[in-house]
N, C-alpha and C. Protein backbone atom coordinates (compact mmCIF):
# COMPACT_ATOMS: atom_id res chain seq x y z
N MET A 1 0.83 -1.20 0.00
CA MET A 1 0.00 0.00 0.00
C MET A 1 0.87 1.26 0.00
N GLN A 2 1.96 1.20 0.75
CA GLN A 2 2.85 2.36 0.81
C GLN A 2 3.48 2.65 -0.55
N SER A 3 3.82 1.61 -1.26
CA SER A 3 4.42 1.80 -2.58
C SER A 3 3.43 2.43 -3.56
N LYS A 4 2.17 2.06 -3.41
CA LYS A 4 1.16 2.63 -4.30
C LYS A 4 1.03 4.14 -4.07
N LEU A 5 1.03 4.53 -2.82
CA LEU A 5 0.92 5.95 -2.50
C LEU A 5 2.13 6.70 -3.03
N ARG A 6 3.28 6.08 -2.92
CA ARG A 6 4.50 6.71 -3.42
C ARG A 6 4.44 6.87 -4.93
N PHE A 7 3.95 5.84 -5.60
CA PHE A 7 3.85 5.88 -7.05
C PHE A 7 2.89 6.98 -7.49
N LEU A 8 1.75 7.06 -6.80
CA LEU A 8 0.77 8.09 -7.15
C LEU A 8 1.34 9.49 -6.93
N PHE A 9 2.06 9.65 -5.84
CA PHE A 9 2.65 10.95 -5.54
C PHE A 9 3.68 11.34 -6.60
N PHE A 10 4.49 10.36 -6.98
CA PHE A 10 5.50 10.61 -8.01
C PHE A 10 4.84 10.95 -9.35
N TYR A 11 3.80 10.20 -9.68
CA TYR A 11 3.08 10.44 -10.93
C TYR A 11 2.46 11.83 -10.93
N TYR A 12 1.87 12.22 -9.79
CA TYR A 12 1.26 13.54 -9.67
C TYR A 12 2.31 14.63 -9.82
N PHE A 13 3.47 14.41 -9.24
CA PHE A 13 4.55 15.38 -9.34
C PHE A 13 4.98 15.56 -10.79
N LEU A 14 5.08 14.45 -11.50
CA LEU A 14 5.48 14.54 -12.91
C LEU A 14 4.46 15.32 -13.72
N ILE A 15 3.18 15.03 -13.47
CA ILE A 15 2.12 15.73 -14.18
C ILE A 15 2.15 17.22 -13.85
N LYS A 16 2.37 17.52 -12.59
CA LYS A 16 2.39 18.92 -12.17
C LYS A 16 3.52 19.67 -12.86
N THR A 17 4.67 19.04 -12.98
CA THR A 17 5.79 19.69 -13.64
C THR A 17 5.55 19.79 -15.14
N GLU A 18 4.91 18.77 -15.69
CA GLU A 18 4.64 18.79 -17.13
C GLU A 18 3.59 19.83 -17.49
N ARG A 19 2.75 20.15 -16.53
CA ARG A 19 1.69 21.13 -16.80
C ARG A 19 2.26 22.52 -17.02
N LEU A 20 3.47 22.75 -16.50
CA LEU A 20 4.08 24.07 -16.68
C LEU A 20 4.66 24.16 -18.10
N PRO A 21 4.17 25.08 -18.89
CA PRO A 21 4.63 25.21 -20.27
C PRO A 21 6.02 25.84 -20.39
N THR A 22 6.19 26.99 -19.75
CA THR A 22 7.47 27.70 -19.87
C THR A 22 8.41 27.33 -18.74
N ASP A 23 7.87 27.15 -17.54
CA ASP A 23 8.70 26.83 -16.38
C ASP A 23 9.37 25.46 -16.53
N SER A 24 8.72 24.58 -17.25
CA SER A 24 9.28 23.24 -17.42
C SER A 24 10.62 23.31 -18.15
N ARG A 25 10.78 24.32 -18.99
CA ARG A 25 12.04 24.46 -19.74
C ARG A 25 13.16 24.95 -18.83
N HIS A 26 12.77 25.63 -17.77
CA HIS A 26 13.78 26.20 -16.87
C HIS A 26 14.07 25.29 -15.68
N THR A 27 13.40 24.16 -15.61
CA THR A 27 13.63 23.25 -14.48
C THR A 27 14.92 22.47 -14.71
N PRO A 28 15.87 22.59 -13.81
CA PRO A 28 17.15 21.89 -13.97
C PRO A 28 17.06 20.40 -13.68
N PHE A 29 16.21 20.03 -12.70
CA PHE A 29 16.11 18.63 -12.34
C PHE A 29 15.39 17.82 -13.41
N LEU A 30 14.69 18.51 -14.31
CA LEU A 30 14.02 17.78 -15.38
C LEU A 30 14.96 17.72 -16.59
C-alpha cells in the first residue's frame, strides 16, 4: 500500500511539472 501511495505521488509530481509550459524548460532537475 505504501508503494502505491509513493507511485501516485511521483506520478502527480510529474504531471504537475509537465503542466508548466514555460517553467518546465527552466527546471534543472528535469
